[in-house]
Amino acid sequence: MKYFITIIMFMTSLSASAQNGKATTGKKTFSRTTTISQYIDAGPSIVWALLTNASDFSRWNSTVVSIEGEIQEGEKIRLRSTLDPNRTFKLKIKEIIPNQKLVWGDALGKRTFILEKKGDQTLFKMSERIGGLMFPIFANKIPSFDESFEKFTADLKKEAETIARSK
């Protein structure tokens, strides 16, 4: 039994570290989900402060052109991304649990940010599910999010760790 538990723990740690900083995308007929996770050498409050300060996003995040509005539950933001800088995404802040969870989205998709304290680190997880009944019609027009997720996460890690080291 002890051997079995050791194997399960090893496999769990392998799967958790396998995605560390590398995005993966799963596709279904009516949806697509992209996920990424990354350990960050900073506390959740530092990461949270970066994720919820809309006016500062484009300074540290190379995937965001701009965010207008306040990142507060129930509010709406206007986000422009480098994936399509001519399009403004109008997103609603759907859920906030300070230092733990942020969810925003629109009728077609939802992006979720999760922060978990792991010792002196934060495990950052980001996922986005897009889809719906009409998804198969326009799915091939939506670019892959993998590279953008990886840049976003690397930028967040770099900025959060820079702030943590300066304290």
C-alpha atoms as a PDB file:
ATOM      1  CA  MET A   1       0.000   0.000   0.000  1.00  0.00           C
ATOM      2  CA  LYS A   2       2.833   2.392   0.879  1.00  0.00           C
ATOM      3  CA  TYR A   3       4.417   1.674  -2.531  1.00  0.00           C
ATOM      4  CA  PHE A   4       1.094   2.434  -4.288  1.00  0.00           C
ATOM      5  CA  ILE A   5       0.719   5.777  -2.447  1.00  0.00           C
ATOM      6  CA  THR A   6       4.319   6.706  -3.353  1.00  0.00           C
ATOM      7  CA  ILE A   7       3.621   5.978  -7.038  1.00  0.00           C
ATOM      8  CA  ILE A   8       0.419   8.071  -6.973  1.00  0.00           C
ATOM      9  CA  MET A   9       2.237  10.985  -5.283  1.00  0.00           C
ATOM     10  CA  PHE A  10       5.071  10.781  -7.829  1.00  0.00           C
ATOM     11  CA  MET A  11       2.665  10.729 -10.781  1.00  0.00           C
ATOM     12  CA  THR A  12       0.702  13.670  -9.329  1.00  0.00           C
ATOM     13  CA  SER A  13       3.872  15.723  -8.911  1.00  0.00           C
ATOM     14  CA  LEU A  14       4.967  14.797 -12.433  1.00  0.00           C
ATOM     15  CA  SER A  15       1.691  15.951 -13.968  1.00  0.00           C
ATOM     16  CA  ALA A  16       1.706  19.160 -11.917  1.00  0.00           C
ATOM     17  CA  SER A  17       5.261  20.039 -12.910  1.00  0.00           C
ATOM     18  CA  ALA A  18       4.820  18.924 -16.510  1.00  0.00           C
ATOM     19  CA  GLN A  19       2.680  21.962 -17.230  1.00  0.00           C
ATOM     20  CA  ASN A  20       4.855  24.410 -15.278  1.00  0.00           C
ATOM     21  CA  GLY A  21       4.961  27.397 -17.643  1.00  0.00           C
ATOM     22  CA  LYS A  22       3.754  25.423 -20.683  1.00  0.00           C
ATOM     23  CA  ALA A  23       0.227  25.924 -22.017  1.00  0.00           C
ATOM     24  CA  THR A  24      -1.953  23.061 -23.179  1.00  0.00           C
ATOM     25  CA  THR A  25      -5.174  23.190 -25.166  1.00  0.00           C
ATOM     26  CA  GLY A  26      -7.967  20.659 -25.221  1.00  0.00           C
ATOM     27  CA  LYS A  27     -10.487  20.777 -28.045  1.00  0.00           C
ATOM     28  CA  LYS A  28     -14.021  19.454 -28.162  1.00  0.00           C
ATOM     29  CA  THR A  29     -16.700  19.936 -30.799  1.00  0.00           C
ATOM     30  CA  PHE A  30     -18.349  22.863 -29.040  1.00  0.00           C
ATOM     31  CA  SER A  31     -15.476  24.283 -26.974  1.00  0.00           C
ATOM     32  CA  ARG A  32     -11.765  24.760 -26.503  1.00  0.00           C
ATOM     33  CA  THR A  33      -9.949  25.089 -23.178  1.00  0.00           C
ATOM     34  CA  THR A  34      -6.410  26.381 -22.725  1.00  0.00           C
ATOM     35  CA  THR A  35      -4.648  25.974 -19.373  1.00  0.00           C
ATOM     36  CA  ILE A  36      -1.305  26.814 -17.842  1.00  0.00           C
ATOM     37  CA  SER A  37       0.247  26.627 -14.384  1.00  0.00           C
ATOM     38  CA  GLN A  38       3.414  28.134 -12.978  1.00  0.00           C
ATOM     39  CA  TYR A  39       5.123  28.295  -9.611  1.00  0.00           C
ATOM     40  CA  ILE A  40       6.008  31.880  -8.713  1.00  0.00           C
ATOM     41  CA  ASP A  41       8.519  32.795  -6.008  1.00  0.00           C
ATOM     42  CA  ALA A  42       6.243  35.418  -4.456  1.00  0.00           C
ATOM     43  CA  GLY A  43       3.277  35.401  -2.138  1.00  0.00           C
ATOM     44  CA  PRO A  44      -0.304  35.349  -3.427  1.00  0.00           C
ATOM     45  CA  SER A  45      -0.885  38.973  -2.349  1.00  0.00           C
ATOM     46  CA  ILE A  46       1.838  40.191  -4.734  1.00  0.00           C
ATOM     47  CA  VAL A  47       0.473  38.143  -7.641  1.00  0.00           C
ATOM     48  CA  TRP A  48      -3.074  39.232  -6.798  1.00  0.00           C
ATOM     49  CA  ALA A  49      -2.107  42.908  -6.764  1.00  0.00           C
ATOM     50  CA  LEU A  50      -0.716  42.551 -10.291  1.00  0.00           C
ATOM     51  CA  LEU A  51      -3.781  40.672 -11.577  1.00  0.00           C
ATOM     52  CA  THR A  52      -6.268  43.197 -10.195  1.00  0.00           C
ATOM     53  CA  ASN A  53      -4.593  46.496 -11.131  1.00  0.00           C
ATOM     54  CA  ALA A  54      -6.082  47.090 -14.585  1.00  0.00           C
ATOM     55  CA  SER A  55      -4.276  50.364 -15.283  1.00  0.00           C
ATOM     56  CA  ASP A  56      -0.853  48.739 -14.711  1.00  0.00           C
ATOM     57  CA  PHE A  57      -1.413  45.553 -16.758  1.00  0.00           C
ATOM     58  CA  SER A  58       0.133  46.726 -20.017  1.00  0.00           C
ATOM     59  CA  ARG A  59       3.308  47.884 -18.221  1.00  0.00           C
ATOM     60  CA  TRP A  60       4.315  44.388 -17.071  1.00  0.00           C
ATOM     61  CA  ASN A  61       2.264  42.162 -19.396  1.00  0.00           C
ATOM     62  CA  SER A  62       3.440  41.980 -23.014  1.00  0.00           C
ATOM     63  CA  THR A  63       0.187  40.276 -24.123  1.00  0.00           C
ATOM     64  CA  VAL A  64      -2.108  43.127 -23.069  1.00  0.00           C
ATOM     65  CA  VAL A  65      -2.374  46.376 -25.017  1.00  0.00           C
ATOM     66  CA  SER A  66      -4.737  47.950 -22.473  1.00  0.00           C
ATOM     67  CA  ILE A  67      -7.428  47.312 -19.888  1.00  0.00           C
ATOM     68  CA  GLU A  68      -9.960  49.992 -19.070  1.00  0.00           C
ATOM     69  CA  GLY A  69     -12.193  49.768 -16.017  1.00  0.00           C
ATOM     70  CA  GLU A  70     -11.884  48.360 -12.531  1.00  0.00           C
ATOM     71  CA  ILE A  71     -11.226  44.711 -11.785  1.00  0.00           C
ATOM     72  CA  GLN A  72     -13.934  44.359  -9.151  1.00  0.00           C
ATOM     73  CA  GLU A  73     -16.751  41.810  -8.986  1.00  0.00           C
ATOM     74  CA  GLY A  74     -19.726  42.817 -11.121  1.00  0.00           C
ATOM     75  CA  GLU A  75     -17.778  45.494 -13.015  1.00  0.00           C
ATOM     76  CA  LYS A  76     -17.055  45.487 -16.733  1.00  0.00           C
ATOM     77  CA  ILE A  77     -13.638  45.949 -18.289  1.00  0.00           C
ATOM     78  CA  ARG A  78     -12.536  46.636 -21.841  1.00  0.00           C
ATOM     79  CA  LEU A  79      -9.469  44.587 -22.765  1.00  0.00           C
ATOM     80  CA  ARG A  80      -7.308  44.857 -25.871  1.00  0.00           C
ATOM     81  CA  SER A  81      -4.910  41.977 -26.444  1.00  0.00           C
ATOM     82  CA  THR A  82      -1.894  41.563 -28.718  1.00  0.00           C
ATOM     83  CA  LEU A  83      -3.681  38.540 -30.253  1.00  0.00           C
ATOM     84  CA  ASP A  84      -6.103  40.990 -31.925  1.00  0.00           C
ATOM     85  CA  PRO A  85      -5.120  44.582 -31.003  1.00  0.00           C
ATOM     86  CA  ASN A  86      -7.906  46.093 -33.142  1.00  0.00           C
ATOM     87  CA  ARG A  87     -10.628  44.319 -31.174  1.00  0.00           C
ATOM     88  CA  THR A  88     -11.816  45.377 -27.738  1.00  0.00           C
ATOM     89  CA  PHE A  89     -13.166  42.563 -25.564  1.00  0.00           C
ATOM     90  CA  LYS A  90     -15.949  43.688 -23.231  1.00  0.00           C
ATOM     91  CA  LEU A  91     -15.687  41.418 -20.220  1.00  0.00           C
ATOM     92  CA  LYS A  92     -17.566  41.159 -16.953  1.00  0.00           C
ATOM     93  CA  ILE A  93     -15.770  40.411 -13.697  1.00  0.00           C
ATOM     94  CA  LYS A  94     -17.774  37.358 -12.641  1.00  0.00           C
ATOM     95  CA  GLU A  95     -16.072  36.231  -9.437  1.00  0.00           C
ATOM     96  CA  ILE A  96     -13.455  37.463  -7.015  1.00  0.00           C
ATOM     97  CA  ILE A  97     -12.051  35.706  -3.971  1.00  0.00           C
ATOM     98  CA  PRO A  98      -9.151  37.968  -2.883  1.00  0.00           C
ATOM     99  CA  ASN A  99      -5.708  36.374  -3.221  1.00  0.00           C
ATOM    100  CA  GLN A 100      -7.298  33.145  -4.539  1.00  0.00           C
ATOM    101  CA  LYS A 101      -9.589  33.419  -7.560  1.00  0.00           C
ATOM    102  CA  LEU A 102     -10.518  35.843 -10.326  1.00  0.00           C
ATOM    103  CA  VAL A 103     -12.950  35.070 -13.149  1.00  0.00           C
ATOM    104  CA  TRP A 104     -13.843  37.284 -16.091  1.00  0.00           C
ATOM    105  CA  GLY A 105     -15.593  36.611 -19.344  1.00  0.00           C
ATOM    106  CA  ASP A 106     -18.328  37.241 -21.870  1.00  0.00           C
ATOM    107  CA  ALA A 107     -21.036  35.174 -23.545  1.00  0.00           C
ATOM    108  CA  LEU A 108     -18.484  33.081 -25.479  1.00  0.00           C
ATOM    109  CA  GLY A 109     -15.774  32.500 -22.935  1.00  0.00           C
ATOM    110  CA  LYS A 110     -14.530  32.585 -19.385  1.00  0.00           C
ATOM    111  CA  ARG A 111     -10.989  33.069 -18.080  1.00  0.00           C
ATOM    112  CA  THR A 112     -10.203  31.854 -14.585  1.00  0.00           C
ATOM    113  CA  PHE A 113      -7.130  32.727 -12.520  1.00  0.00           C
ATOM    114  CA  ILE A 114      -6.389  30.615  -9.429  1.00  0.00           C
ATOM    115  CA  LEU A 115      -3.700  31.337  -6.813  1.00  0.00           C
ATOM    116  CA  GLU A 116      -2.638  28.691  -4.292  1.00  0.00           C
ATOM    117  CA  LYS A 117      -0.114  29.352  -1.547  1.00  0.00           C
ATOM    118  CA  LYS A 118       2.549  26.624  -1.578  1.00  0.00           C
ATOM    119  CA  GLY A 119       5.076  27.366   1.144  1.00  0.00           C
ATOM    120  CA  ASP A 120       6.940  30.522   0.078  1.00  0.00           C
ATOM    121  CA  GLN A 121       5.587  30.222  -3.460  1.00  0.00           C
ATOM    122  CA  THR A 122       2.332  30.758  -5.270  1.00  0.00           C
ATOM    123  CA  LEU A 123       0.994  28.220  -7.708  1.00  0.00           C
ATOM    124  CA  PHE A 124      -0.612  30.309 -10.454  1.00  0.00           C
ATOM    125  CA  LYS A 125      -3.169  28.613 -12.689  1.00  0.00           C
ATOM    126  CA  MET A 126      -4.929  30.204 -15.628  1.00  0.00           C
ATOM    127  CA  SER A 127      -7.519  28.637 -17.890  1.00  0.00           C
ATOM    128  CA  GLU A 128      -9.838  29.890 -20.570  1.00  0.00           C
ATOM    129  CA  ARG A 129     -12.785  28.038 -21.985  1.00  0.00           C
ATOM    130  CA  ILE A 130     -14.424  29.384 -25.110  1.00  0.00           C
ATOM    131  CA  GLY A 131     -17.335  27.806 -26.874  1.00  0.00           C
ATOM    132  CA  GLY A 132     -21.029  27.373 -27.393  1.00  0.00           C
ATOM    133  CA  LEU A 133     -23.428  25.974 -29.942  1.00  0.00           C
ATOM    134  CA  MET A 134     -22.030  28.184 -32.731  1.00  0.00           C
ATOM    135  CA  PHE A 135     -18.394  27.476 -31.816  1.00  0.00           C
ATOM    136  CA  PRO A 136     -17.745  24.951 -34.635  1.00  0.00           C
ATOM    137  CA  ILE A 137     -18.603  27.657 -37.204  1.00  0.00           C
ATOM    138  CA  PHE A 138     -15.956  30.154 -36.044  1.00  0.00           C
ATOM    139  CA  ALA A 139     -13.469  27.958 -34.162  1.00  0.00           C
ATOM    140  CA  ASN A 140     -10.887  27.989 -36.963  1.00  0.00           C
ATOM    141  CA  LYS A 141     -10.853  31.821 -36.933  1.00  0.00           C
ATOM    142  CA  ILE A 142      -9.724  32.003 -33.295  1.00  0.00           C
ATOM    143  CA  PRO A 143      -5.934  31.897 -32.907  1.00  0.00           C
ATOM    144  CA  SER A 144      -4.245  29.519 -30.495  1.00  0.00           C
ATOM    145  CA  PHE A 145      -3.862  30.960 -26.989  1.00  0.00           C
ATOM    146  CA  ASP A 146      -0.876  28.761 -26.070  1.00  0.00           C
ATOM    147  CA  GLU A 147       1.913  31.221 -26.861  1.00  0.00           C
ATOM    148  CA  SER A 148      -0.016  34.142 -25.380  1.00  0.00           C
ATOM    149  CA  PHE A 149      -0.677  32.195 -22.156  1.00  0.00           C
ATOM    150  CA  GLU A 150       3.011  31.319 -21.891  1.00  0.00           C
ATOM    151  CA  LYS A 151       4.074  34.972 -22.366  1.00  0.00           C
ATOM    152  CA  PHE A 152       1.404  36.197 -19.925  1.00  0.00           C
ATOM    153  CA  THR A 153       2.541  33.711 -17.291  1.00  0.00           C
ATOM    154  CA  ALA A 154       6.265  34.396 -17.817  1.00  0.00           C
ATOM    155  CA  ASP A 155       5.642  38.153 -17.542  1.00  0.00           C
ATOM    156  CA  LEU A 156       3.590  37.694 -14.360  1.00  0.00           C
ATOM    157  CA  LYS A 157       6.261  35.459 -12.818  1.00  0.00           C
ATOM    158  CA  LYS A 158       9.051  37.907 -13.672  1.00  0.00           C
ATOM    159  CA  GLU A 159       7.217  40.960 -12.304  1.00  0.00           C
ATOM    160  CA  ALA A 160       5.949  39.246  -9.129  1.00  0.00           C
ATOM    161  CA  GLU A 161       9.385  37.824  -8.324  1.00  0.00           C
ATOM    162  CA  THR A 162      11.037  41.224  -8.948  1.00  0.00           C
ATOM    163  CA  ILE A 163       8.615  42.816  -6.482  1.00  0.00           C
ATOM    164  CA  ALA A 164       9.116  40.013  -3.927  1.00  0.00           C
ATOM    165  CA  ARG A 165      12.921  40.352  -4.080  1.00  0.00           C
ATOM    166  CA  SER A 166      12.716  44.127  -3.498  1.00  0.00           C
ATOM    167  CA  LYS A 167      10.785  43.695  -0.225  1.00  0.00           C
END
